[in-house]
């Protein structure tokens, strides 16, 4: 059984839910992923179109519209 418990620190209200959990040993392992060549993204990382990104600390209050 997998149980999730959430508690609101402001109100102290607590909610709990559970569900059955089955671990299958006959399934294919997740570790079988596709191979990507080490230089596959070389042009993206060293391309001439890279620009410096200006980061301003604080809260962004600009509208997207």
C-alpha atoms as a PDB file:
ATOM      1  CA  UNK A   1       0.000   0.000   0.000  1.00  0.00           C
ATOM      2  CA  UNK A   2       1.243   3.489  -0.933  1.00  0.00           C
ATOM      3  CA  UNK A   3       0.051   6.232   1.406  1.00  0.00           C
ATOM      4  CA  UNK A   4       0.313   9.992   0.893  1.00  0.00           C
ATOM      5  CA  UNK A   5      -0.197  12.327   3.833  1.00  0.00           C
ATOM      6  CA  UNK A   6      -0.548  16.096   3.375  1.00  0.00           C
ATOM      7  CA  UNK A   7      -0.786  18.561   6.218  1.00  0.00           C
ATOM      8  CA  UNK A   8      -1.526  22.284   5.966  1.00  0.00           C
ATOM      9  CA  UNK A   9       0.904  24.028   8.337  1.00  0.00           C
ATOM     10  CA  UNK A  10      -1.388  27.040   8.737  1.00  0.00           C
ATOM     11  CA  UNK A  11      -4.605  25.256   9.645  1.00  0.00           C
ATOM     12  CA  UNK A  12      -3.234  21.948  10.877  1.00  0.00           C
ATOM     13  CA  UNK A  13      -5.708  20.166   8.586  1.00  0.00           C
ATOM     14  CA  UNK A  14      -4.445  16.753   7.516  1.00  0.00           C
ATOM     15  CA  UNK A  15      -5.531  14.692   4.520  1.00  0.00           C
ATOM     16  CA  UNK A  16      -4.498  11.118   3.845  1.00  0.00           C
ATOM     17  CA  UNK A  17      -5.056   8.852   0.862  1.00  0.00           C
ATOM     18  CA  UNK A  18      -3.874   5.327   0.080  1.00  0.00           C
ATOM     19  CA  UNK A  19      -3.710   3.103  -2.962  1.00  0.00           C
ATOM     20  CA  UNK A  20      -2.518  -0.441  -3.587  1.00  0.00           C
ATOM     21  CA  UNK A  21       1.015  -0.693  -4.936  1.00  0.00           C
ATOM     22  CA  UNK A  22       2.191  -3.685  -6.949  1.00  0.00           C
ATOM     23  CA  UNK A  23       5.854  -4.136  -7.882  1.00  0.00           C
ATOM     24  CA  UNK A  24       6.197  -6.450 -10.853  1.00  0.00           C
ATOM     25  CA  UNK A  25       9.455  -8.300 -11.371  1.00  0.00           C
ATOM     26  CA  UNK A  26       8.497  -9.501 -14.864  1.00  0.00           C
ATOM     27  CA  UNK A  27       8.451  -5.996 -16.401  1.00  0.00           C
ATOM     28  CA  UNK A  28      11.263  -4.583 -18.557  1.00  0.00           C
ATOM     29  CA  UNK A  29      13.736  -2.546 -16.489  1.00  0.00           C
ATOM     30  CA  UNK A  30      13.642   1.213 -17.010  1.00  0.00           C
ATOM     31  CA  UNK A  31      17.407   1.339 -17.549  1.00  0.00           C
ATOM     32  CA  UNK A  32      17.058   0.300 -21.204  1.00  0.00           C
ATOM     33  CA  UNK A  33      17.144   3.793 -22.709  1.00  0.00           C
ATOM     34  CA  UNK A  34      18.299   4.973 -26.114  1.00  0.00           C
ATOM     35  CA  UNK A  35      21.953   5.886 -26.563  1.00  0.00           C
ATOM     36  CA  UNK A  36      22.815   9.432 -27.617  1.00  0.00           C
ATOM     37  CA  UNK A  37      26.241  10.079 -29.086  1.00  0.00           C
ATOM     38  CA  UNK A  38      28.388  12.399 -26.907  1.00  0.00           C
ATOM     39  CA  UNK A  39      28.774  14.956 -29.722  1.00  0.00           C
ATOM     40  CA  UNK A  40      25.079  15.002 -30.690  1.00  0.00           C
ATOM     41  CA  UNK A  41      24.487  18.440 -29.161  1.00  0.00           C
ATOM     42  CA  UNK A  42      27.947  19.900 -29.788  1.00  0.00           C
ATOM     43  CA  UNK A  43      26.684  22.453 -32.333  1.00  0.00           C
ATOM     44  CA  UNK A  44      23.967  23.679 -29.981  1.00  0.00           C
ATOM     45  CA  UNK A  45      26.377  24.187 -27.105  1.00  0.00           C
ATOM     46  CA  UNK A  46      29.079  26.006 -29.063  1.00  0.00           C
ATOM     47  CA  UNK A  47      27.081  27.666 -31.832  1.00  0.00           C
ATOM     48  CA  UNK A  48      27.610  31.287 -32.924  1.00  0.00           C
ATOM     49  CA  UNK A  49      24.060  32.258 -31.913  1.00  0.00           C
ATOM     50  CA  UNK A  50      24.687  32.034 -28.180  1.00  0.00           C
ATOM     51  CA  UNK A  51      23.807  35.237 -26.358  1.00  0.00           C
ATOM     52  CA  UNK A  52      24.425  36.460 -22.859  1.00  0.00           C
ATOM     53  CA  UNK A  53      21.344  36.311 -20.673  1.00  0.00           C
ATOM     54  CA  UNK A  54      20.902  39.238 -18.298  1.00  0.00           C
ATOM     55  CA  UNK A  55      19.601  38.122 -14.921  1.00  0.00           C
ATOM     56  CA  UNK A  56      18.102  40.743 -12.644  1.00  0.00           C
ATOM     57  CA  UNK A  57      17.474  39.650  -9.062  1.00  0.00           C
ATOM     58  CA  UNK A  58      14.063  40.200  -7.534  1.00  0.00           C
ATOM     59  CA  UNK A  59      10.457  39.543  -8.458  1.00  0.00           C
ATOM     60  CA  UNK A  60       9.333  39.819 -12.083  1.00  0.00           C
ATOM     61  CA  UNK A  61       6.242  42.033 -12.253  1.00  0.00           C
ATOM     62  CA  UNK A  62       6.193  42.471 -16.046  1.00  0.00           C
ATOM     63  CA  UNK A  63       3.146  41.324 -17.988  1.00  0.00           C
ATOM     64  CA  UNK A  64       3.464  38.868 -20.863  1.00  0.00           C
ATOM     65  CA  UNK A  65       0.681  40.669 -22.725  1.00  0.00           C
END
